[in-house]
């Protein structure tokens, strides 16, 4: 698995989890969904993402 594949999988899973928590427990969990979206936008402009740095350190390869 490459860094890009893992990053997409993690982002998608986190969004789905936060939506589930918002529907099940509290709509305040939607702030977490917004946080993920803001981080994705930020990484598109700056070309830097903390999760990509973490995935590189655990040994995943660039795509």
PDB file of N, CA and C in Angstrom:
ATOM      1  N   UNK A   1       0.847  -1.169   0.000  1.00  0.00           N
ATOM      2  CA  UNK A   1       0.000   0.000   0.000  1.00  0.00           C
ATOM      3  C   UNK A   1       0.894   1.235   0.000  1.00  0.00           C
ATOM      4  N   UNK A   2       0.527   2.216  -0.820  1.00  0.00           N
ATOM      5  CA  UNK A   2       1.308   3.443  -0.900  1.00  0.00           C
ATOM      6  C   UNK A   2       0.777   4.484   0.094  1.00  0.00           C
ATOM      7  N   UNK A   3       1.534   5.550   0.259  1.00  0.00           N
ATOM      8  CA  UNK A   3       1.137   6.631   1.164  1.00  0.00           C
ATOM      9  C   UNK A   3      -0.181   7.256   0.703  1.00  0.00           C
ATOM     10  N   UNK A   4      -0.318   7.488  -0.603  1.00  0.00           N
ATOM     11  CA  UNK A   4      -1.549   8.112  -1.106  1.00  0.00           C
ATOM     12  C   UNK A   4      -2.773   7.236  -0.862  1.00  0.00           C
ATOM     13  N   UNK A   5      -2.635   5.942  -1.080  1.00  0.00           N
ATOM     14  CA  UNK A   5      -3.755   5.031  -0.834  1.00  0.00           C
ATOM     15  C   UNK A   5      -4.126   5.004   0.645  1.00  0.00           C
ATOM     16  N   UNK A   6      -3.116   4.934   1.507  1.00  0.00           N
ATOM     17  CA  UNK A   6      -3.365   4.907   2.949  1.00  0.00           C
ATOM     18  C   UNK A   6      -3.995   6.216   3.422  1.00  0.00           C
ATOM     19  N   UNK A   7      -3.519   7.328   2.883  1.00  0.00           N
ATOM     20  CA  UNK A   7      -4.067   8.630   3.272  1.00  0.00           C
ATOM     21  C   UNK A   7      -5.538   8.739   2.889  1.00  0.00           C
ATOM     22  N   UNK A   8      -5.881   8.317   1.697  1.00  0.00           N
ATOM     23  CA  UNK A   8      -7.286   8.349   1.267  1.00  0.00           C
ATOM     24  C   UNK A   8      -8.144   7.430   2.120  1.00  0.00           C
ATOM     25  N   UNK A   9      -7.619   6.255   2.456  1.00  0.00           N
ATOM     26  CA  UNK A   9      -8.363   5.320   3.281  1.00  0.00           C
ATOM     27  C   UNK A   9      -8.608   5.894   4.683  1.00  0.00           C
ATOM     28  N   UNK A  10      -7.588   6.485   5.269  1.00  0.00           N
ATOM     29  CA  UNK A  10      -7.713   7.060   6.607  1.00  0.00           C
ATOM     30  C   UNK A  10      -8.683   8.237   6.600  1.00  0.00           C
ATOM     31  N   UNK A  11      -8.562   9.142   5.622  1.00  0.00           N
ATOM     32  CA  UNK A  11      -9.454  10.302   5.547  1.00  0.00           C
ATOM     33  C   UNK A  11     -10.904   9.862   5.353  1.00  0.00           C
ATOM     34  N   UNK A  12     -11.133   8.921   4.466  1.00  0.00           N
ATOM     35  CA  UNK A  12     -12.484   8.427   4.239  1.00  0.00           C
ATOM     36  C   UNK A  12     -13.063   7.765   5.472  1.00  0.00           C
ATOM     37  N   UNK A  13     -12.266   6.965   6.146  1.00  0.00           N
ATOM     38  CA  UNK A  13     -12.727   6.293   7.360  1.00  0.00           C
ATOM     39  C   UNK A  13     -13.048   7.301   8.457  1.00  0.00           C
ATOM     40  N   UNK A  14     -12.193   8.305   8.621  1.00  0.00           N
ATOM     41  CA  UNK A  14     -12.437   9.309   9.663  1.00  0.00           C
ATOM     42  C   UNK A  14     -13.707  10.108   9.380  1.00  0.00           C
ATOM     43  N   UNK A  15     -13.951  10.435   8.130  1.00  0.00           N
ATOM     44  CA  UNK A  15     -15.176  11.161   7.781  1.00  0.00           C
ATOM     45  C   UNK A  15     -16.399  10.304   8.070  1.00  0.00           C
ATOM     46  N   UNK A  16     -16.366   9.038   7.667  1.00  0.00           N
ATOM     47  CA  UNK A  16     -17.502   8.154   7.918  1.00  0.00           C
ATOM     48  C   UNK A  16     -17.733   7.935   9.417  1.00  0.00           C
ATOM     49  N   UNK A  17     -16.662   7.785  10.167  1.00  0.00           N
ATOM     50  CA  UNK A  17     -16.790   7.620  11.618  1.00  0.00           C
ATOM     51  C   UNK A  17     -17.398   8.866  12.252  1.00  0.00           C
ATOM     52  N   UNK A  18     -16.918  10.046  11.854  1.00  0.00           N
ATOM     53  CA  UNK A  18     -17.453  11.270  12.445  1.00  0.00           C
ATOM     54  C   UNK A  18     -18.912  11.489  12.063  1.00  0.00           C
ATOM     55  N   UNK A  19     -19.295  11.126  10.851  1.00  0.00           N
ATOM     56  CA  UNK A  19     -20.705  11.229  10.466  1.00  0.00           C
ATOM     57  C   UNK A  19     -21.564  10.263  11.271  1.00  0.00           C
ATOM     58  N   UNK A  20     -21.081   9.046  11.481  1.00  0.00           N
ATOM     59  CA  UNK A  20     -21.805   8.084  12.309  1.00  0.00           C
ATOM     60  C   UNK A  20     -21.984   8.616  13.735  1.00  0.00           C
ATOM     61  N   UNK A  21     -20.904   9.178  14.298  1.00  0.00           N
ATOM     62  CA  UNK A  21     -20.984   9.714  15.653  1.00  0.00           C
ATOM     63  C   UNK A  21     -21.932  10.908  15.731  1.00  0.00           C
ATOM     64  N   UNK A  22     -21.979  11.724  14.672  1.00  0.00           N
ATOM     65  CA  UNK A  22     -22.890  12.870  14.647  1.00  0.00           C
ATOM     66  C   UNK A  22     -24.337  12.419  14.612  1.00  0.00           C
ATOM     67  N   UNK A  23     -24.629  11.388  13.843  1.00  0.00           N
ATOM     68  CA  UNK A  23     -26.003  10.883  13.741  1.00  0.00           C
ATOM     69  C   UNK A  23     -26.401  10.154  15.017  1.00  0.00           C
ATOM     70  N   UNK A  24     -25.475   9.406  15.596  1.00  0.00           N
ATOM     71  CA  UNK A  24     -25.783   8.557  16.738  1.00  0.00           C
ATOM     72  C   UNK A  24     -25.756   9.304  18.073  1.00  0.00           C
ATOM     73  N   UNK A  25     -24.772  10.181  18.274  1.00  0.00           N
ATOM     74  CA  UNK A  25     -24.577  10.778  19.596  1.00  0.00           C
ATOM     75  C   UNK A  25     -24.830  12.276  19.640  1.00  0.00           C
ATOM     76  N   UNK A  26     -24.095  13.050  18.871  1.00  0.00           N
ATOM     77  CA  UNK A  26     -24.215  14.497  18.962  1.00  0.00           C
ATOM     78  C   UNK A  26     -23.775  15.129  17.640  1.00  0.00           C
ATOM     79  N   UNK A  27     -24.492  16.156  17.232  1.00  0.00           N
ATOM     80  CA  UNK A  27     -24.116  16.845  16.001  1.00  0.00           C
ATOM     81  C   UNK A  27     -22.818  17.629  16.152  1.00  0.00           C
ATOM     82  N   UNK A  28     -22.321  17.754  17.368  1.00  0.00           N
ATOM     83  CA  UNK A  28     -21.035  18.420  17.586  1.00  0.00           C
ATOM     84  C   UNK A  28     -19.895  17.672  16.896  1.00  0.00           C
ATOM     85  N   UNK A  29     -20.094  16.387  16.606  1.00  0.00           N
ATOM     86  CA  UNK A  29     -19.078  15.611  15.891  1.00  0.00           C
ATOM     87  C   UNK A  29     -18.872  16.116  14.469  1.00  0.00           C
ATOM     88  N   UNK A  30     -19.803  16.900  13.943  1.00  0.00           N
ATOM     89  CA  UNK A  30     -19.633  17.457  12.600  1.00  0.00           C
ATOM     90  C   UNK A  30     -18.461  18.434  12.549  1.00  0.00           C
ATOM     91  N   UNK A  31     -18.082  18.989  13.708  1.00  0.00           N
ATOM     92  CA  UNK A  31     -16.891  19.843  13.745  1.00  0.00           C
ATOM     93  C   UNK A  31     -15.644  19.037  13.384  1.00  0.00           C
ATOM     94  N   UNK A  32     -15.616  17.778  13.771  1.00  0.00           N
ATOM     95  CA  UNK A  32     -14.497  16.904  13.409  1.00  0.00           C
ATOM     96  C   UNK A  32     -14.465  16.670  11.907  1.00  0.00           C
ATOM     97  N   UNK A  33     -15.627  16.492  11.308  1.00  0.00           N
ATOM     98  CA  UNK A  33     -15.721  16.336   9.856  1.00  0.00           C
ATOM     99  C   UNK A  33     -15.195  17.593   9.160  1.00  0.00           C
ATOM    100  N   UNK A  34     -15.585  18.765   9.679  1.00  0.00           N
ATOM    101  CA  UNK A  34     -15.110  20.032   9.116  1.00  0.00           C
ATOM    102  C   UNK A  34     -13.592  20.160   9.268  1.00  0.00           C
ATOM    103  N   UNK A  35     -13.060  19.731  10.398  1.00  0.00           N
ATOM    104  CA  UNK A  35     -11.619  19.772  10.637  1.00  0.00           C
ATOM    105  C   UNK A  35     -10.874  18.929   9.603  1.00  0.00           C
ATOM    106  N   UNK A  36     -11.398  17.764   9.292  1.00  0.00           N
ATOM    107  CA  UNK A  36     -10.784  16.898   8.280  1.00  0.00           C
ATOM    108  C   UNK A  36     -10.801  17.588   6.919  1.00  0.00           C
ATOM    109  N   UNK A  37     -11.934  18.195   6.570  1.00  0.00           N
ATOM    110  CA  UNK A  37     -12.036  18.909   5.297  1.00  0.00           C
ATOM    111  C   UNK A  37     -11.064  20.064   5.191  1.00  0.00           C
ATOM    112  N   UNK A  38     -10.931  20.827   6.271  1.00  0.00           N
ATOM    113  CA  UNK A  38      -9.987  21.955   6.278  1.00  0.00           C
ATOM    114  C   UNK A  38      -8.558  21.456   6.111  1.00  0.00           C
ATOM    115  N   UNK A  39      -8.224  20.360   6.770  1.00  0.00           N
ATOM    116  CA  UNK A  39      -6.872  19.802   6.628  1.00  0.00           C
ATOM    117  C   UNK A  39      -6.608  19.310   5.213  1.00  0.00           C
ATOM    118  N   UNK A  40      -7.613  18.722   4.573  1.00  0.00           N
ATOM    119  CA  UNK A  40      -7.444  18.279   3.189  1.00  0.00           C
ATOM    120  C   UNK A  40      -7.231  19.478   2.262  1.00  0.00           C
ATOM    121  N   UNK A  41      -7.984  20.552   2.474  1.00  0.00           N
ATOM    122  CA  UNK A  41      -7.786  21.769   1.670  1.00  0.00           C
ATOM    123  C   UNK A  41      -6.407  22.373   1.916  1.00  0.00           C
ATOM    124  N   UNK A  42      -6.014  22.443   3.167  1.00  0.00           N
ATOM    125  CA  UNK A  42      -4.705  22.994   3.509  1.00  0.00           C
ATOM    126  C   UNK A  42      -3.591  22.209   2.844  1.00  0.00           C
ATOM    127  N   UNK A  43      -3.695  20.888   2.857  1.00  0.00           N
ATOM    128  CA  UNK A  43      -2.629  20.074   2.265  1.00  0.00           C
ATOM    129  C   UNK A  43      -2.591  20.226   0.742  1.00  0.00           C
ATOM    130  N   UNK A  44      -3.719  20.528   0.126  1.00  0.00           N
ATOM    131  CA  UNK A  44      -3.732  20.738  -1.323  1.00  0.00           C
ATOM    132  C   UNK A  44      -2.947  21.994  -1.703  1.00  0.00           C
ATOM    133  N   UNK A  45      -3.001  23.005  -0.852  1.00  0.00           N
ATOM    134  CA  UNK A  45      -2.312  24.259  -1.164  1.00  0.00           C
ATOM    135  C   UNK A  45      -0.856  24.261  -0.716  1.00  0.00           C
ATOM    136  N   UNK A  46      -0.563  23.649   0.435  1.00  0.00           N
ATOM    137  CA  UNK A  46       0.795  23.702   0.974  1.00  0.00           C
ATOM    138  C   UNK A  46       1.655  22.508   0.601  1.00  0.00           C
ATOM    139  N   UNK A  47       1.033  21.443   0.074  1.00  0.00           N
ATOM    140  CA  UNK A  47       1.736  20.201  -0.268  1.00  0.00           C
ATOM    141  C   UNK A  47       2.351  19.527   0.958  1.00  0.00           C
ATOM    142  N   UNK A  48       1.794  19.801   2.151  1.00  0.00           N
ATOM    143  CA  UNK A  48       2.263  19.171   3.380  1.00  0.00           C
ATOM    144  C   UNK A  48       1.070  18.662   4.170  1.00  0.00           C
ATOM    145  N   UNK A  49       1.210  17.441   4.680  1.00  0.00           N
ATOM    146  CA  UNK A  49       0.152  16.822   5.466  1.00  0.00           C
ATOM    147  C   UNK A  49       0.817  16.033   6.592  1.00  0.00           C
ATOM    148  N   UNK A  50       0.399  16.267   7.819  1.00  0.00           N
ATOM    149  CA  UNK A  50       0.979  15.574   8.965  1.00  0.00           C
ATOM    150  C   UNK A  50       0.822  14.064   8.848  1.00  0.00           C
ATOM    151  N   UNK A  51      -0.337  13.615   8.392  1.00  0.00           N
ATOM    152  CA  UNK A  51      -0.563  12.165   8.267  1.00  0.00           C
ATOM    153  C   UNK A  51       0.403  11.552   7.259  1.00  0.00           C
ATOM    154  N   UNK A  52       0.724  12.263   6.180  1.00  0.00           N
ATOM    155  CA  UNK A  52       1.688  11.732   5.204  1.00  0.00           C
ATOM    156  C   UNK A  52       3.073  11.597   5.841  1.00  0.00           C
ATOM    157  N   UNK A  53       3.434  12.554   6.688  1.00  0.00           N
ATOM    158  CA  UNK A  53       4.710  12.475   7.394  1.00  0.00           C
ATOM    159  C   UNK A  53       4.736  11.260   8.308  1.00  0.00           C
ATOM    160  N   UNK A  54       3.641  11.017   9.008  1.00  0.00           N
ATOM    161  CA  UNK A  54       3.544   9.858   9.900  1.00  0.00           C
ATOM    162  C   UNK A  54       3.623   8.561   9.099  1.00  0.00           C
ATOM    163  N   UNK A  55       2.907   8.499   7.981  1.00  0.00           N
ATOM    164  CA  UNK A  55       2.917   7.290   7.156  1.00  0.00           C
ATOM    165  C   UNK A  55       4.301   7.015   6.571  1.00  0.00           C
ATOM    166  N   UNK A  56       5.054   8.069   6.217  1.00  0.00           N
ATOM    167  CA  UNK A  56       6.431   7.875   5.735  1.00  0.00           C
ATOM    168  C   UNK A  56       7.299   7.287   6.834  1.00  0.00           C
ATOM    169  N   UNK A  57       7.124   7.788   8.084  1.00  0.00           N
ATOM    170  CA  UNK A  57       7.949   7.328   9.186  1.00  0.00           C
ATOM    171  C   UNK A  57       7.666   5.872   9.560  1.00  0.00           C
ATOM    172  N   UNK A  58       6.443   5.389   9.273  1.00  0.00           N
ATOM    173  CA  UNK A  58       6.174   3.986   9.592  1.00  0.00           C
ATOM    174  C   UNK A  58       6.558   3.064   8.436  1.00  0.00           C
ATOM    175  N   UNK A  59       7.052   3.657   7.338  1.00  0.00           N
ATOM    176  CA  UNK A  59       7.652   2.833   6.297  1.00  0.00           C
ATOM    177  C   UNK A  59       6.861   2.661   4.998  1.00  0.00           C
ATOM    178  N   UNK A  60       5.770   3.371   4.830  1.00  0.00           N
ATOM    179  CA  UNK A  60       5.053   3.254   3.551  1.00  0.00           C
ATOM    180  C   UNK A  60       5.806   4.007   2.462  1.00  0.00           C
ATOM    181  N   UNK A  61       5.671   3.531   1.253  1.00  0.00           N
ATOM    182  CA  UNK A  61       6.393   4.098   0.112  1.00  0.00           C
ATOM    183  C   UNK A  61       5.532   5.122  -0.608  1.00  0.00           C
ATOM    184  N   UNK A  62       6.197   6.084  -1.275  1.00  0.00           N
ATOM    185  CA  UNK A  62       5.485   7.034  -2.124  1.00  0.00           C
ATOM    186  C   UNK A  62       4.920   6.313  -3.345  1.00  0.00           C
ATOM    187  N   UNK A  63       3.771   6.800  -3.819  1.00  0.00           N
ATOM    188  CA  UNK A  63       3.102   6.151  -4.943  1.00  0.00           C
ATOM    189  C   UNK A  63       3.775   6.410  -6.234  1.00  0.00           C
TER     190      UNK A  63
END
